[in-house]
Amino acid sequence: MSIGEISWLDLVGFTVAVTLLEAAIRGVGVTVLKGHRNNWRVAPRFRPILGLAGVGLLVLVAADVLTKFNVLPRR
């Protein structure tokens, strides 16, 4: 399997996971729409939720990619 066989959904999932983790760690989220960049503050009580969601999504995407490369066995 080559790197070209990773689906676009894996790349989108990885991007969203990294964005969630960045918002949880830094406390500032970033939205880019139509070339305009918006920074928004993350409430302290939501930071652990964003962190858990980011880690969970990152684990799912990594497991999917590793099964495609036959590093992890399929069920």
PDB file of N, CA and C in Angstrom:
ATOM      1  N   MET A   1       0.833  -1.173   0.000  1.00  0.00           N
ATOM      2  CA  MET A   1       0.000   0.000   0.000  1.00  0.00           C
ATOM      3  C   MET A   1       0.885   1.247   0.000  1.00  0.00           C
ATOM      4  N   SER A   2       0.500   2.224  -0.773  1.00  0.00           N
ATOM      5  CA  SER A   2       1.275   3.457  -0.860  1.00  0.00           C
ATOM      6  C   SER A   2       0.547   4.581  -0.134  1.00  0.00           C
ATOM      7  N   ILE A   3       1.253   5.669   0.042  1.00  0.00           N
ATOM      8  CA  ILE A   3       0.678   6.821   0.738  1.00  0.00           C
ATOM      9  C   ILE A   3      -0.479   7.421  -0.056  1.00  0.00           C
ATOM     10  N   GLY A   4      -0.517   7.200  -1.350  1.00  0.00           N
ATOM     11  CA  GLY A   4      -1.586   7.727  -2.186  1.00  0.00           C
ATOM     12  C   GLY A   4      -2.919   7.048  -1.962  1.00  0.00           C
ATOM     13  N   GLU A   5      -2.931   5.923  -1.259  1.00  0.00           N
ATOM     14  CA  GLU A   5      -4.169   5.191  -1.036  1.00  0.00           C
ATOM     15  C   GLU A   5      -4.870   5.575   0.260  1.00  0.00           C
ATOM     16  N   ILE A   6      -4.346   6.568   0.965  1.00  0.00           N
ATOM     17  CA  ILE A   6      -5.026   7.069   2.157  1.00  0.00           C
ATOM     18  C   ILE A   6      -6.171   7.958   1.681  1.00  0.00           C
ATOM     19  N   SER A   7      -7.357   7.728   2.227  1.00  0.00           N
ATOM     20  CA  SER A   7      -8.529   8.447   1.741  1.00  0.00           C
ATOM     21  C   SER A   7      -8.526   9.905   2.223  1.00  0.00           C
ATOM     22  N   TRP A   8      -9.293  10.708   1.543  1.00  0.00           N
ATOM     23  CA  TRP A   8      -9.405  12.116   1.924  1.00  0.00           C
ATOM     24  C   TRP A   8     -10.085  12.244   3.280  1.00  0.00           C
ATOM     25  N   LEU A   9     -10.937  11.265   3.630  1.00  0.00           N
ATOM     26  CA  LEU A   9     -11.608  11.307   4.918  1.00  0.00           C
ATOM     27  C   LEU A   9     -10.619  11.143   6.070  1.00  0.00           C
ATOM     28  N   ASP A  10      -9.559  10.356   5.854  1.00  0.00           N
ATOM     29  CA  ASP A  10      -8.506  10.228   6.860  1.00  0.00           C
ATOM     30  C   ASP A  10      -7.782  11.555   7.056  1.00  0.00           C
ATOM     31  N   LEU A  11      -7.508  12.240   5.974  1.00  0.00           N
ATOM     32  CA  LEU A  11      -6.832  13.534   6.076  1.00  0.00           C
ATOM     33  C   LEU A  11      -7.710  14.584   6.762  1.00  0.00           C
ATOM     34  N   VAL A  12      -8.993  14.585   6.451  1.00  0.00           N
ATOM     35  CA  VAL A  12      -9.911  15.524   7.103  1.00  0.00           C
ATOM     36  C   VAL A  12     -10.023  15.194   8.588  1.00  0.00           C
ATOM     37  N   GLY A  13     -10.114  13.916   8.927  1.00  0.00           N
ATOM     38  CA  GLY A  13     -10.184  13.515  10.328  1.00  0.00           C
ATOM     39  C   GLY A  13      -8.944  13.904  11.097  1.00  0.00           C
ATOM     40  N   PHE A  14      -7.774  13.717  10.472  1.00  0.00           N
ATOM     41  CA  PHE A  14      -6.527  14.107  11.114  1.00  0.00           C
ATOM     42  C   PHE A  14      -6.473  15.626  11.334  1.00  0.00           C
ATOM     43  N   THR A  15      -6.917  16.383  10.350  1.00  0.00           N
ATOM     44  CA  THR A  15      -6.911  17.840  10.459  1.00  0.00           C
ATOM     45  C   THR A  15      -7.846  18.319  11.567  1.00  0.00           C
ATOM     46  N   VAL A  16      -9.030  17.745  11.636  1.00  0.00           N
ATOM     47  CA  VAL A  16      -9.986  18.130  12.677  1.00  0.00           C
ATOM     48  C   VAL A  16      -9.453  17.745  14.054  1.00  0.00           C
ATOM     49  N   ALA A  17      -8.834  16.572  14.170  1.00  0.00           N
ATOM     50  CA  ALA A  17      -8.280  16.140  15.458  1.00  0.00           C
ATOM     51  C   ALA A  17      -7.181  17.083  15.935  1.00  0.00           C
ATOM     52  N   VAL A  18      -6.299  17.465  15.035  1.00  0.00           N
ATOM     53  CA  VAL A  18      -5.224  18.387  15.412  1.00  0.00           C
ATOM     54  C   VAL A  18      -5.786  19.753  15.787  1.00  0.00           C
ATOM     55  N   THR A  19      -6.809  20.207  15.085  1.00  0.00           N
ATOM     56  CA  THR A  19      -7.434  21.492  15.402  1.00  0.00           C
ATOM     57  C   THR A  19      -8.102  21.453  16.777  1.00  0.00           C
ATOM     58  N   LEU A  20      -8.774  20.356  17.089  1.00  0.00           N
ATOM     59  CA  LEU A  20      -9.398  20.229  18.410  1.00  0.00           C
ATOM     60  C   LEU A  20      -8.355  20.212  19.518  1.00  0.00           C
ATOM     61  N   LEU A  21      -7.274  19.477  19.295  1.00  0.00           N
ATOM     62  CA  LEU A  21      -6.216  19.434  20.301  1.00  0.00           C
ATOM     63  C   LEU A  21      -5.550  20.797  20.483  1.00  0.00           C
ATOM     64  N   GLU A  22      -5.359  21.506  19.396  1.00  0.00           N
ATOM     65  CA  GLU A  22      -4.761  22.838  19.494  1.00  0.00           C
ATOM     66  C   GLU A  22      -5.670  23.786  20.277  1.00  0.00           C
ATOM     67  N   ALA A  23      -6.976  23.718  20.023  1.00  0.00           N
ATOM     68  CA  ALA A  23      -7.913  24.571  20.757  1.00  0.00           C
ATOM     69  C   ALA A  23      -7.941  24.206  22.231  1.00  0.00           C
ATOM     70  N   ALA A  24      -7.817  22.919  22.537  1.00  0.00           N
ATOM     71  CA  ALA A  24      -7.836  22.493  23.942  1.00  0.00           C
ATOM     72  C   ALA A  24      -6.564  22.917  24.671  1.00  0.00           C
ATOM     73  N   ILE A  25      -5.437  22.858  24.003  1.00  0.00           N
ATOM     74  CA  ILE A  25      -4.165  23.176  24.653  1.00  0.00           C
ATOM     75  C   ILE A  25      -3.960  24.687  24.764  1.00  0.00           C
ATOM     76  N   ARG A  26      -4.171  25.402  23.659  1.00  0.00           N
ATOM     77  CA  ARG A  26      -3.912  26.847  23.647  1.00  0.00           C
ATOM     78  C   ARG A  26      -5.061  27.666  24.224  1.00  0.00           C
ATOM     79  N   GLY A  27      -6.291  27.131  24.165  1.00  0.00           N
ATOM     80  CA  GLY A  27      -7.440  27.885  24.645  1.00  0.00           C
ATOM     81  C   GLY A  27      -7.982  28.862  23.630  1.00  0.00           C
ATOM     82  N   VAL A  28      -7.487  28.786  22.408  1.00  0.00           N
ATOM     83  CA  VAL A  28      -7.934  29.673  21.329  1.00  0.00           C
ATOM     84  C   VAL A  28      -8.173  28.816  20.093  1.00  0.00           C
ATOM     85  N   GLY A  29      -9.376  28.898  19.552  1.00  0.00           N
ATOM     86  CA  GLY A  29      -9.691  28.190  18.324  1.00  0.00           C
ATOM     87  C   GLY A  29      -9.568  29.122  17.137  1.00  0.00           C
ATOM     88  N   VAL A  30      -9.357  28.542  15.973  1.00  0.00           N
ATOM     89  CA  VAL A  30      -9.189  29.339  14.750  1.00  0.00           C
ATOM     90  C   VAL A  30     -10.148  28.806  13.698  1.00  0.00           C
ATOM     91  N   THR A  31     -10.883  29.701  13.075  1.00  0.00           N
ATOM     92  CA  THR A  31     -11.759  29.354  11.964  1.00  0.00           C
ATOM     93  C   THR A  31     -11.337  30.199  10.769  1.00  0.00           C
ATOM     94  N   VAL A  32     -11.130  29.548   9.629  1.00  0.00           N
ATOM     95  CA  VAL A  32     -10.767  30.260   8.409  1.00  0.00           C
ATOM     96  C   VAL A  32     -11.871  30.034   7.386  1.00  0.00           C
ATOM     97  N   LEU A  33     -12.565  31.100   7.037  1.00  0.00           N
ATOM     98  CA  LEU A  33     -13.629  31.029   6.046  1.00  0.00           C
ATOM     99  C   LEU A  33     -13.428  32.125   5.012  1.00  0.00           C
ATOM    100  N   LYS A  34     -13.406  31.746   3.764  1.00  0.00           N
ATOM    101  CA  LYS A  34     -13.287  32.697   2.650  1.00  0.00           C
ATOM    102  C   LYS A  34     -12.088  33.620   2.808  1.00  0.00           C
ATOM    103  N   GLY A  35     -10.975  33.073   3.276  1.00  0.00           N
ATOM    104  CA  GLY A  35      -9.760  33.855   3.413  1.00  0.00           C
ATOM    105  C   GLY A  35      -9.713  34.746   4.630  1.00  0.00           C
ATOM    106  N   HIS A  36     -10.754  34.727   5.437  1.00  0.00           N
ATOM    107  CA  HIS A  36     -10.805  35.553   6.645  1.00  0.00           C
ATOM    108  C   HIS A  36     -10.581  34.651   7.855  1.00  0.00           C
ATOM    109  N   ARG A  37      -9.642  35.034   8.714  1.00  0.00           N
ATOM    110  CA  ARG A  37      -9.277  34.223   9.871  1.00  0.00           C
ATOM    111  C   ARG A  37      -9.931  34.788  11.128  1.00  0.00           C
ATOM    112  N   ASN A  38     -10.660  33.926  11.847  1.00  0.00           N
ATOM    113  CA  ASN A  38     -11.311  34.325  13.096  1.00  0.00           C
ATOM    114  C   ASN A  38     -10.724  33.520  14.248  1.00  0.00           C
ATOM    115  N   ASN A  39     -10.310  34.209  15.299  1.00  0.00           N
ATOM    116  CA  ASN A  39      -9.861  33.557  16.522  1.00  0.00           C
ATOM    117  C   ASN A  39     -10.978  33.644  17.547  1.00  0.00           C
ATOM    118  N   TRP A  40     -11.261  32.537  18.210  1.00  0.00           N
ATOM    119  CA  TRP A  40     -12.290  32.523  19.231  1.00  0.00           C
ATOM    120  C   TRP A  40     -11.766  31.823  20.476  1.00  0.00           C
ATOM    121  N   ARG A  41     -12.144  32.354  21.615  1.00  0.00           N
ATOM    122  CA  ARG A  41     -11.680  31.806  22.889  1.00  0.00           C
ATOM    123  C   ARG A  41     -12.491  30.575  23.253  1.00  0.00           C
ATOM    124  N   VAL A  42     -11.826  29.616  23.844  1.00  0.00           N
ATOM    125  CA  VAL A  42     -12.475  28.400  24.313  1.00  0.00           C
ATOM    126  C   VAL A  42     -12.704  28.545  25.814  1.00  0.00           C
ATOM    127  N   ALA A  43     -13.933  28.308  26.245  1.00  0.00           N
ATOM    128  CA  ALA A  43     -14.244  28.388  27.677  1.00  0.00           C
ATOM    129  C   ALA A  43     -13.453  27.301  28.410  1.00  0.00           C
ATOM    130  N   PRO A  44     -12.913  27.614  29.578  1.00  0.00           N
ATOM    131  CA  PRO A  44     -12.096  26.638  30.300  1.00  0.00           C
ATOM    132  C   PRO A  44     -12.813  25.322  30.586  1.00  0.00           C
ATOM    133  N   ARG A  45     -14.124  25.351  30.781  1.00  0.00           N
ATOM    134  CA  ARG A  45     -14.820  24.100  31.075  1.00  0.00           C
ATOM    135  C   ARG A  45     -14.963  23.201  29.843  1.00  0.00           C
ATOM    136  N   PHE A  46     -14.798  23.756  28.642  1.00  0.00           N
ATOM    137  CA  PHE A  46     -14.901  22.956  27.426  1.00  0.00           C
ATOM    138  C   PHE A  46     -13.555  22.435  26.926  1.00  0.00           C
ATOM    139  N   ARG A  47     -12.467  22.926  27.499  1.00  0.00           N
ATOM    140  CA  ARG A  47     -11.147  22.500  27.039  1.00  0.00           C
ATOM    141  C   ARG A  47     -10.898  21.007  27.232  1.00  0.00           C
ATOM    142  N   PRO A  48     -11.274  20.405  28.379  1.00  0.00           N
ATOM    143  CA  PRO A  48     -11.084  18.950  28.495  1.00  0.00           C
ATOM    144  C   PRO A  48     -11.938  18.153  27.515  1.00  0.00           C
ATOM    145  N   ILE A  49     -13.136  18.654  27.218  1.00  0.00           N
ATOM    146  CA  ILE A  49     -14.011  17.965  26.265  1.00  0.00           C
ATOM    147  C   ILE A  49     -13.397  17.997  24.875  1.00  0.00           C
ATOM    148  N   LEU A  50     -12.882  19.162  24.464  1.00  0.00           N
ATOM    149  CA  LEU A  50     -12.226  19.256  23.161  1.00  0.00           C
ATOM    150  C   LEU A  50     -10.977  18.391  23.106  1.00  0.00           C
ATOM    151  N   GLY A  51     -10.242  18.328  24.208  1.00  0.00           N
ATOM    152  CA  GLY A  51      -9.048  17.496  24.255  1.00  0.00           C
ATOM    153  C   GLY A  51      -9.371  16.026  24.109  1.00  0.00           C
ATOM    154  N   LEU A  52     -10.390  15.552  24.818  1.00  0.00           N
ATOM    155  CA  LEU A  52     -10.782  14.145  24.701  1.00  0.00           C
ATOM    156  C   LEU A  52     -11.313  13.811  23.307  1.00  0.00           C
ATOM    157  N   ALA A  53     -12.090  14.720  22.744  1.00  0.00           N
ATOM    158  CA  ALA A  53     -12.599  14.500  21.390  1.00  0.00           C
ATOM    159  C   ALA A  53     -11.453  14.472  20.382  1.00  0.00           C
ATOM    160  N   GLY A  54     -10.480  15.352  20.547  1.00  0.00           N
ATOM    161  CA  GLY A  54      -9.331  15.374  19.639  1.00  0.00           C
ATOM    162  C   GLY A  54      -8.485  14.125  19.749  1.00  0.00           C
ATOM    163  N   VAL A  55      -8.237  13.676  20.969  1.00  0.00           N
ATOM    164  CA  VAL A  55      -7.439  12.445  21.159  1.00  0.00           C
ATOM    165  C   VAL A  55      -8.190  11.236  20.620  1.00  0.00           C
ATOM    166  N   GLY A  56      -9.498  11.160  20.887  1.00  0.00           N
ATOM    167  CA  GLY A  56     -10.293  10.039  20.384  1.00  0.00           C
ATOM    168  C   GLY A  56     -10.312   9.981  18.871  1.00  0.00           C
ATOM    169  N   LEU A  57     -10.509  11.111  18.229  1.00  0.00           N
ATOM    170  CA  LEU A  57     -10.522  11.146  16.770  1.00  0.00           C
ATOM    171  C   LEU A  57      -9.150  10.824  16.202  1.00  0.00           C
ATOM    172  N   LEU A  58      -8.100  11.306  16.838  1.00  0.00           N
ATOM    173  CA  LEU A  58      -6.745  11.016  16.383  1.00  0.00           C
ATOM    174  C   LEU A  58      -6.442   9.520  16.479  1.00  0.00           C
ATOM    175  N   VAL A  59      -6.892   8.873  17.545  1.00  0.00           N
ATOM    176  CA  VAL A  59      -6.686   7.427  17.698  1.00  0.00           C
ATOM    177  C   VAL A  59      -7.458   6.663  16.624  1.00  0.00           C
ATOM    178  N   LEU A  60      -8.697   7.073  16.347  1.00  0.00           N
ATOM    179  CA  LEU A  60      -9.477   6.391  15.312  1.00  0.00           C
ATOM    180  C   LEU A  60      -8.836   6.523  13.930  1.00  0.00           C
ATOM    181  N   VAL A  61      -8.387   7.718  13.599  1.00  0.00           N
ATOM    182  CA  VAL A  61      -7.763   7.936  12.287  1.00  0.00           C
ATOM    183  C   VAL A  61      -6.448   7.162  12.195  1.00  0.00           C
ATOM    184  N   ALA A  62      -5.658   7.186  13.263  1.00  0.00           N
ATOM    185  CA  ALA A  62      -4.380   6.464  13.241  1.00  0.00           C
ATOM    186  C   ALA A  62      -4.617   4.963  13.119  1.00  0.00           C
ATOM    187  N   ALA A  63      -5.609   4.427  13.812  1.00  0.00           N
ATOM    188  CA  ALA A  63      -5.907   2.993  13.715  1.00  0.00           C
ATOM    189  C   ALA A  63      -6.366   2.628  12.312  1.00  0.00           C
ATOM    190  N   ASP A  64      -7.165   3.488  11.693  1.00  0.00           N
ATOM    191  CA  ASP A  64      -7.627   3.219  10.333  1.00  0.00           C
ATOM    192  C   ASP A  64      -6.473   3.211   9.339  1.00  0.00           C
ATOM    193  N   VAL A  65      -5.586   4.189   9.464  1.00  0.00           N
ATOM    194  CA  VAL A  65      -4.438   4.266   8.551  1.00  0.00           C
ATOM    195  C   VAL A  65      -3.502   3.076   8.770  1.00  0.00           C
ATOM    196  N   LEU A  66      -3.273   2.706  10.028  1.00  0.00           N
ATOM    197  CA  LEU A  66      -2.374   1.589  10.305  1.00  0.00           C
ATOM    198  C   LEU A  66      -2.953   0.251   9.843  1.00  0.00           C
ATOM    199  N   THR A  67      -4.275   0.099   9.857  1.00  0.00           N
ATOM    200  CA  THR A  67      -4.854  -1.131   9.318  1.00  0.00           C
ATOM    201  C   THR A  67      -4.748  -1.156   7.798  1.00  0.00           C
ATOM    202  N   LYS A  68      -4.792   0.008   7.169  1.00  0.00           N
ATOM    203  CA  LYS A  68      -4.618   0.046   5.713  1.00  0.00           C
ATOM    204  C   LYS A  68      -3.199  -0.337   5.311  1.00  0.00           C
ATOM    205  N   PHE A  69      -2.213  -0.018   6.158  1.00  0.00           N
ATOM    206  CA  PHE A  69      -0.828  -0.384   5.885  1.00  0.00           C
ATOM    207  C   PHE A  69      -0.471  -1.758   6.449  1.00  0.00           C
ATOM    208  N   ASN A  70      -1.477  -2.483   6.945  1.00  0.00           N
ATOM    209  CA  ASN A  70      -1.318  -3.827   7.509  1.00  0.00           C
ATOM    210  C   ASN A  70      -0.354  -3.856   8.698  1.00  0.00           C
ATOM    211  N   VAL A  71      -0.287  -2.789   9.460  1.00  0.00           N
ATOM    212  CA  VAL A  71       0.496  -2.763  10.678  1.00  0.00           C
ATOM    213  C   VAL A  71      -0.344  -3.315  11.832  1.00  0.00           C
ATOM    214  N   LEU A  72      -1.625  -2.952  11.851  1.00  0.00           N
ATOM    215  CA  LEU A  72      -2.563  -3.501  12.838  1.00  0.00           C
ATOM    216  C   LEU A  72      -3.425  -4.543  12.141  1.00  0.00           C
ATOM    217  N   PRO A  73      -3.710  -5.660  12.818  1.00  0.00           N
ATOM    218  CA  PRO A  73      -4.559  -6.669  12.193  1.00  0.00           C
ATOM    219  C   PRO A  73      -6.018  -6.224  12.129  1.00  0.00           C
ATOM    220  N   ARG A  74      -6.718  -6.667  11.108  1.00  0.00           N
ATOM    221  CA  ARG A  74      -8.139  -6.375  10.998  1.00  0.00           C
ATOM    222  C   ARG A  74      -8.912  -7.397  11.803  1.00  0.00           C
ATOM    223  N   ARG A  75     -10.080  -7.023  12.246  1.00  0.00           N
ATOM    224  CA  ARG A  75     -10.914  -7.963  13.002  1.00  0.00           C
ATOM    225  C   ARG A  75     -11.675  -8.857  12.095  1.00  0.00           C
TER     226      ARG A  75
END
